[in-house]
Amino acid sequence: MPWRLPIPETERRTLAWFVVVFALTIIAWAAAHDLYLISVEPRHFTEYHRPLLPLSDHRALALQYATVATLGPGMVFGALAFAVCRLGPRARPTLRFAWRLFLPFIVLIEASALSVGAWARARYAAGQSLPYPEWLYPDTTAGIAYSQSVNVTAYLAATVLGGGYLITLAWISRRSNRRQADTKQSHPKYPLGNRPGDV
């Protein structure tokens, strides 16, 4: 008997949209992040990243690493967001609602990374230890001290705040489900962003 996804046939198109939209959003954020970093410290990519395609243009190099690093995780994250939103006996937030809720989390991730980078730069200038253990820094120049502090923080913040986003989404779904059950007579027109034709 052929294996099939344990997802209703009517939801599979929605799953595909979640995967594509979240993956593209995360790649776009990573691309902007890496384009900024390579403008500040090109050696972060030209010397301390494993070579992939033989690219010499810094912008193309940053886009390459951003895509390779986040395509797979972005697709997985989209699938997780879909599972939280659409599977199980809960209210069903739309992709539009879930995506809009995700945007502030991306801003917070990047703000955290840049803040720690600024802190690392100030500590470096004052001759103090950097925010992370020395073994995380491939060298101790000012540029790498900044870029690596930004990058390590981005990975850590993405893990923590990404989990926080999924928990928040699940909490909103459950809360809305309870509210709808308690006020069944009111029949909200479009709960959690649901509109005719939304996925």
C-alpha atoms as a PDB file:
ATOM      1  CA  MET A   1       0.000   0.000   0.000  1.00  0.00           C
ATOM      2  CA  PRO A   2       1.597   3.348  -1.022  1.00  0.00           C
ATOM      3  CA  TRP A   3       2.502   5.734   1.775  1.00  0.00           C
ATOM      4  CA  ARG A   4       0.546   8.979   1.889  1.00  0.00           C
ATOM      5  CA  LEU A   5       0.897  12.145   3.913  1.00  0.00           C
ATOM      6  CA  PRO A   6      -1.405  12.006   6.953  1.00  0.00           C
ATOM      7  CA  ILE A   7      -2.988  15.277   5.801  1.00  0.00           C
ATOM      8  CA  PRO A   8      -6.477  15.665   4.340  1.00  0.00           C
ATOM      9  CA  GLU A   9      -6.467  16.024   0.571  1.00  0.00           C
ATOM     10  CA  THR A  10      -8.100  19.446   0.859  1.00  0.00           C
ATOM     11  CA  GLU A  11      -5.230  20.737   3.021  1.00  0.00           C
ATOM     12  CA  ARG A  12      -2.280  19.668   0.859  1.00  0.00           C
ATOM     13  CA  ARG A  13      -2.404  22.740  -1.359  1.00  0.00           C
ATOM     14  CA  THR A  14      -2.403  24.878   1.793  1.00  0.00           C
ATOM     15  CA  LEU A  15       0.622  22.953   3.105  1.00  0.00           C
ATOM     16  CA  ALA A  16       2.490  23.709  -0.134  1.00  0.00           C
ATOM     17  CA  TRP A  17       1.682  27.421   0.193  1.00  0.00           C
ATOM     18  CA  PHE A  18       2.875  27.514   3.801  1.00  0.00           C
ATOM     19  CA  VAL A  19       6.159  25.837   2.847  1.00  0.00           C
ATOM     20  CA  VAL A  20       6.788  28.130  -0.130  1.00  0.00           C
ATOM     21  CA  VAL A  21       5.809  31.415   1.548  1.00  0.00           C
ATOM     22  CA  PHE A  22       7.719  30.820   4.777  1.00  0.00           C
ATOM     23  CA  ALA A  23      10.790  29.536   2.933  1.00  0.00           C
ATOM     24  CA  LEU A  24      10.864  32.576   0.633  1.00  0.00           C
ATOM     25  CA  THR A  25      10.336  34.938   3.576  1.00  0.00           C
ATOM     26  CA  ILE A  26      13.185  33.406   5.564  1.00  0.00           C
ATOM     27  CA  ILE A  27      15.485  33.375   2.517  1.00  0.00           C
ATOM     28  CA  ALA A  28      14.702  37.056   1.892  1.00  0.00           C
ATOM     29  CA  TRP A  29      15.563  37.920   5.496  1.00  0.00           C
ATOM     30  CA  ALA A  30      18.789  35.869   5.343  1.00  0.00           C
ATOM     31  CA  ALA A  31      19.762  37.522   2.058  1.00  0.00           C
ATOM     32  CA  ALA A  32      19.323  41.013   3.503  1.00  0.00           C
ATOM     33  CA  HIS A  33      21.255  39.929   6.609  1.00  0.00           C
ATOM     34  CA  ASP A  34      24.164  38.493   4.604  1.00  0.00           C
ATOM     35  CA  LEU A  35      24.282  41.412   2.160  1.00  0.00           C
ATOM     36  CA  TYR A  36      24.711  43.718   5.126  1.00  0.00           C
ATOM     37  CA  LEU A  37      27.388  41.530   6.725  1.00  0.00           C
ATOM     38  CA  ILE A  38      29.439  41.182   3.554  1.00  0.00           C
ATOM     39  CA  SER A  39      29.392  44.964   3.124  1.00  0.00           C
ATOM     40  CA  VAL A  40      30.811  45.352   6.641  1.00  0.00           C
ATOM     41  CA  GLU A  41      33.315  42.463   6.645  1.00  0.00           C
ATOM     42  CA  PRO A  42      33.773  40.640   3.295  1.00  0.00           C
ATOM     43  CA  ARG A  43      36.263  38.179   4.828  1.00  0.00           C
ATOM     44  CA  HIS A  44      33.431  36.683   6.879  1.00  0.00           C
ATOM     45  CA  PHE A  45      32.367  34.989   3.622  1.00  0.00           C
ATOM     46  CA  THR A  46      35.434  35.060   1.376  1.00  0.00           C
ATOM     47  CA  GLU A  47      37.792  33.449   3.924  1.00  0.00           C
ATOM     48  CA  TYR A  48      35.708  31.786   6.611  1.00  0.00           C
ATOM     49  CA  HIS A  49      32.924  30.063   4.691  1.00  0.00           C
ATOM     50  CA  ARG A  50      33.293  26.808   2.790  1.00  0.00           C
ATOM     51  CA  PRO A  51      33.467  27.606  -0.951  1.00  0.00           C
ATOM     52  CA  LEU A  52      30.401  26.644  -2.981  1.00  0.00           C
ATOM     53  CA  LEU A  53      30.031  28.119  -6.461  1.00  0.00           C
ATOM     54  CA  PRO A  54      33.106  30.022  -7.721  1.00  0.00           C
ATOM     55  CA  LEU A  55      31.616  33.487  -7.348  1.00  0.00           C
ATOM     56  CA  SER A  56      33.705  36.638  -7.031  1.00  0.00           C
ATOM     57  CA  ASP A  57      30.907  39.218  -6.778  1.00  0.00           C
ATOM     58  CA  HIS A  58      30.249  39.875  -3.107  1.00  0.00           C
ATOM     59  CA  ARG A  59      26.517  40.319  -3.510  1.00  0.00           C
ATOM     60  CA  ALA A  60      26.153  37.058  -5.423  1.00  0.00           C
ATOM     61  CA  LEU A  61      28.279  35.335  -2.782  1.00  0.00           C
ATOM     62  CA  ALA A  62      26.068  36.597   0.041  1.00  0.00           C
ATOM     63  CA  LEU A  63      22.892  35.564  -1.786  1.00  0.00           C
ATOM     64  CA  GLN A  64      24.338  32.123  -2.419  1.00  0.00           C
ATOM     65  CA  TYR A  65      25.167  31.479   1.234  1.00  0.00           C
ATOM     66  CA  ALA A  66      21.849  32.919   2.422  1.00  0.00           C
ATOM     67  CA  THR A  67      19.876  30.605   0.130  1.00  0.00           C
ATOM     68  CA  VAL A  68      21.876  27.468   0.921  1.00  0.00           C
ATOM     69  CA  ALA A  69      21.724  28.096   4.677  1.00  0.00           C
ATOM     70  CA  THR A  70      17.995  28.796   4.931  1.00  0.00           C
ATOM     71  CA  LEU A  71      16.127  27.015   2.112  1.00  0.00           C
ATOM     72  CA  GLY A  72      15.801  23.690   3.938  1.00  0.00           C
ATOM     73  CA  PRO A  73      15.137  25.139   7.408  1.00  0.00           C
ATOM     74  CA  GLY A  74      12.668  27.620   5.903  1.00  0.00           C
ATOM     75  CA  MET A  75      10.682  24.817   4.267  1.00  0.00           C
ATOM     76  CA  VAL A  76      10.637  22.808   7.493  1.00  0.00           C
ATOM     77  CA  PHE A  77       9.537  25.887   9.445  1.00  0.00           C
ATOM     78  CA  GLY A  78       6.712  26.490   6.982  1.00  0.00           C
ATOM     79  CA  ALA A  79       5.552  22.904   7.453  1.00  0.00           C
ATOM     80  CA  LEU A  80       5.650  23.340  11.240  1.00  0.00           C
ATOM     81  CA  ALA A  81       3.635  26.565  10.994  1.00  0.00           C
ATOM     82  CA  PHE A  82       1.111  24.704   8.846  1.00  0.00           C
ATOM     83  CA  ALA A  83       0.873  21.899  11.413  1.00  0.00           C
ATOM     84  CA  VAL A  84       0.263  24.369  14.229  1.00  0.00           C
ATOM     85  CA  CYS A  85      -2.346  26.281  12.230  1.00  0.00           C
ATOM     86  CA  ARG A  86      -4.266  23.632  10.364  1.00  0.00           C
ATOM     87  CA  LEU A  87      -3.952  20.209  12.001  1.00  0.00           C
ATOM     88  CA  GLY A  88      -5.924  19.037  15.010  1.00  0.00           C
ATOM     89  CA  PRO A  89      -9.186  20.167  16.629  1.00  0.00           C
ATOM     90  CA  ARG A  90      -8.317  23.867  16.835  1.00  0.00           C
ATOM     91  CA  ALA A  91      -9.281  27.060  15.115  1.00  0.00           C
ATOM     92  CA  ARG A  92      -7.593  27.310  11.740  1.00  0.00           C
ATOM     93  CA  PRO A  93      -5.564  30.499  11.222  1.00  0.00           C
ATOM     94  CA  THR A  94      -4.957  31.310   7.588  1.00  0.00           C
ATOM     95  CA  LEU A  95      -1.588  31.579   5.896  1.00  0.00           C
ATOM     96  CA  ARG A  96      -2.111  35.337   5.693  1.00  0.00           C
ATOM     97  CA  PHE A  97      -2.620  35.568   9.468  1.00  0.00           C
ATOM     98  CA  ALA A  98       0.336  33.266  10.269  1.00  0.00           C
ATOM     99  CA  TRP A  99       2.687  35.145   7.907  1.00  0.00           C
ATOM    100  CA  ARG A 100       1.782  38.576   9.272  1.00  0.00           C
ATOM    101  CA  LEU A 101       2.311  37.325  12.817  1.00  0.00           C
ATOM    102  CA  PHE A 102       5.754  36.046  11.780  1.00  0.00           C
ATOM    103  CA  LEU A 103       7.093  39.376  10.498  1.00  0.00           C
ATOM    104  CA  PRO A 104       7.615  41.039  13.923  1.00  0.00           C
ATOM    105  CA  PHE A 105       9.558  37.967  15.030  1.00  0.00           C
ATOM    106  CA  ILE A 106      11.955  38.375  12.091  1.00  0.00           C
ATOM    107  CA  VAL A 107      12.448  42.034  12.975  1.00  0.00           C
ATOM    108  CA  LEU A 108      13.161  41.061  16.582  1.00  0.00           C
ATOM    109  CA  ILE A 109      15.686  38.402  15.512  1.00  0.00           C
ATOM    110  CA  GLU A 110      17.624  40.876  13.376  1.00  0.00           C
ATOM    111  CA  ALA A 111      17.429  43.626  15.990  1.00  0.00           C
ATOM    112  CA  SER A 112      18.858  41.219  18.574  1.00  0.00           C
ATOM    113  CA  ALA A 113      21.701  40.237  16.252  1.00  0.00           C
ATOM    114  CA  LEU A 114      22.633  43.824  15.416  1.00  0.00           C
ATOM    115  CA  SER A 115      22.432  44.868  19.074  1.00  0.00           C
ATOM    116  CA  VAL A 116      24.841  42.146  20.151  1.00  0.00           C
ATOM    117  CA  GLY A 117      27.100  43.067  17.229  1.00  0.00           C
ATOM    118  CA  ALA A 118      27.197  46.682  18.400  1.00  0.00           C
ATOM    119  CA  TRP A 119      27.933  45.481  21.941  1.00  0.00           C
ATOM    120  CA  ALA A 120      30.754  43.270  20.633  1.00  0.00           C
ATOM    121  CA  ARG A 121      32.239  46.193  18.702  1.00  0.00           C
ATOM    122  CA  ALA A 122      32.182  48.380  21.817  1.00  0.00           C
ATOM    123  CA  ARG A 123      33.782  45.656  23.929  1.00  0.00           C
ATOM    124  CA  TYR A 124      36.455  45.071  21.283  1.00  0.00           C
ATOM    125  CA  ALA A 125      37.278  48.782  21.158  1.00  0.00           C
ATOM    126  CA  ALA A 126      37.593  48.827  24.959  1.00  0.00           C
ATOM    127  CA  GLY A 127      39.899  45.800  24.952  1.00  0.00           C
ATOM    128  CA  GLN A 128      37.346  43.608  26.734  1.00  0.00           C
ATOM    129  CA  SER A 129      36.341  40.022  26.020  1.00  0.00           C
ATOM    130  CA  LEU A 130      33.835  39.372  23.239  1.00  0.00           C
ATOM    131  CA  PRO A 131      30.265  38.184  23.940  1.00  0.00           C
ATOM    132  CA  TYR A 132      30.902  34.576  22.903  1.00  0.00           C
ATOM    133  CA  PRO A 133      33.717  32.096  23.657  1.00  0.00           C
ATOM    134  CA  GLU A 134      36.931  32.631  21.687  1.00  0.00           C
ATOM    135  CA  TRP A 135      36.606  29.354  19.801  1.00  0.00           C
ATOM    136  CA  LEU A 136      33.568  30.749  17.986  1.00  0.00           C
ATOM    137  CA  TYR A 137      35.671  33.514  16.388  1.00  0.00           C
ATOM    138  CA  PRO A 138      37.932  32.462  13.490  1.00  0.00           C
ATOM    139  CA  ASP A 139      40.151  35.471  14.174  1.00  0.00           C
ATOM    140  CA  THR A 140      40.204  38.431  16.532  1.00  0.00           C
ATOM    141  CA  THR A 141      40.127  41.349  14.091  1.00  0.00           C
ATOM    142  CA  ALA A 142      37.527  44.061  14.647  1.00  0.00           C
ATOM    143  CA  GLY A 143      35.500  43.150  11.547  1.00  0.00           C
ATOM    144  CA  ILE A 144      35.231  39.447  12.353  1.00  0.00           C
ATOM    145  CA  ALA A 145      34.516  40.171  16.015  1.00  0.00           C
ATOM    146  CA  TYR A 146      31.502  42.172  14.865  1.00  0.00           C
ATOM    147  CA  SER A 147      30.280  39.974  11.994  1.00  0.00           C
ATOM    148  CA  GLN A 148      30.615  36.711  13.896  1.00  0.00           C
ATOM    149  CA  SER A 149      28.837  38.131  16.954  1.00  0.00           C
ATOM    150  CA  VAL A 150      25.989  39.230  14.690  1.00  0.00           C
ATOM    151  CA  ASN A 151      25.836  35.859  12.938  1.00  0.00           C
ATOM    152  CA  VAL A 152      25.978  33.673  16.046  1.00  0.00           C
ATOM    153  CA  THR A 153      23.276  35.785  17.676  1.00  0.00           C
ATOM    154  CA  ALA A 154      21.109  35.521  14.569  1.00  0.00           C
ATOM    155  CA  TYR A 155      21.258  31.710  14.703  1.00  0.00           C
ATOM    156  CA  LEU A 156      20.526  31.619  18.436  1.00  0.00           C
ATOM    157  CA  ALA A 157      17.725  34.181  18.221  1.00  0.00           C
ATOM    158  CA  ALA A 158      16.180  32.434  15.203  1.00  0.00           C
ATOM    159  CA  THR A 159      16.041  29.170  17.163  1.00  0.00           C
ATOM    160  CA  VAL A 160      14.596  30.705  20.336  1.00  0.00           C
ATOM    161  CA  LEU A 161      12.224  33.201  18.731  1.00  0.00           C
ATOM    162  CA  GLY A 162      11.192  30.753  16.009  1.00  0.00           C
ATOM    163  CA  GLY A 163      10.076  28.398  18.759  1.00  0.00           C
ATOM    164  CA  GLY A 164       8.408  31.319  20.506  1.00  0.00           C
ATOM    165  CA  TYR A 165       6.523  32.143  17.323  1.00  0.00           C
ATOM    166  CA  LEU A 166       5.171  28.603  16.978  1.00  0.00           C
ATOM    167  CA  ILE A 167       4.120  28.576  20.643  1.00  0.00           C
ATOM    168  CA  THR A 168       2.417  31.965  20.201  1.00  0.00           C
ATOM    169  CA  LEU A 169       0.615  30.747  17.093  1.00  0.00           C
ATOM    170  CA  ALA A 170      -0.610  27.621  18.903  1.00  0.00           C
ATOM    171  CA  TRP A 171      -1.756  29.706  21.871  1.00  0.00           C
ATOM    172  CA  ILE A 172      -3.681  32.111  19.648  1.00  0.00           C
ATOM    173  CA  SER A 173      -5.323  29.194  17.839  1.00  0.00           C
ATOM    174  CA  ARG A 174      -6.397  27.531  21.072  1.00  0.00           C
ATOM    175  CA  ARG A 175      -7.599  30.781  22.629  1.00  0.00           C
ATOM    176  CA  SER A 176      -9.628  31.651  19.542  1.00  0.00           C
ATOM    177  CA  ASN A 177     -11.095  28.152  19.494  1.00  0.00           C
ATOM    178  CA  ARG A 178     -12.247  28.503  23.097  1.00  0.00           C
ATOM    179  CA  ARG A 179     -13.653  31.963  22.453  1.00  0.00           C
ATOM    180  CA  GLN A 180     -15.637  30.713  19.469  1.00  0.00           C
ATOM    181  CA  ALA A 181     -17.006  27.837  21.549  1.00  0.00           C
ATOM    182  CA  ASP A 182     -18.027  30.209  24.359  1.00  0.00           C
ATOM    183  CA  THR A 183     -19.689  32.711  22.045  1.00  0.00           C
ATOM    184  CA  LYS A 184     -21.140  30.412  19.454  1.00  0.00           C
ATOM    185  CA  GLN A 185     -24.157  32.617  18.876  1.00  0.00           C
ATOM    186  CA  SER A 186     -22.051  35.624  17.846  1.00  0.00           C
ATOM    187  CA  HIS A 187     -20.505  33.899  14.802  1.00  0.00           C
ATOM    188  CA  PRO A 188     -17.501  36.180  14.043  1.00  0.00           C
ATOM    189  CA  LYS A 189     -17.402  36.861  10.354  1.00  0.00           C
ATOM    190  CA  TYR A 190     -13.791  35.992   9.595  1.00  0.00           C
ATOM    191  CA  PRO A 191     -12.023  34.536  12.660  1.00  0.00           C
ATOM    192  CA  LEU A 192      -8.204  34.571  12.546  1.00  0.00           C
ATOM    193  CA  GLY A 193      -8.127  36.168   9.122  1.00  0.00           C
ATOM    194  CA  ASN A 194     -10.352  33.584   7.424  1.00  0.00           C
ATOM    195  CA  ARG A 195     -11.988  35.025   4.345  1.00  0.00           C
ATOM    196  CA  PRO A 196     -13.583  33.323   1.377  1.00  0.00           C
ATOM    197  CA  GLY A 197     -10.767  31.891  -0.758  1.00  0.00           C
ATOM    198  CA  ASP A 198      -8.052  32.229   1.929  1.00  0.00           C
ATOM    199  CA  VAL A 199      -5.697  29.340   2.482  1.00  0.00           C
END
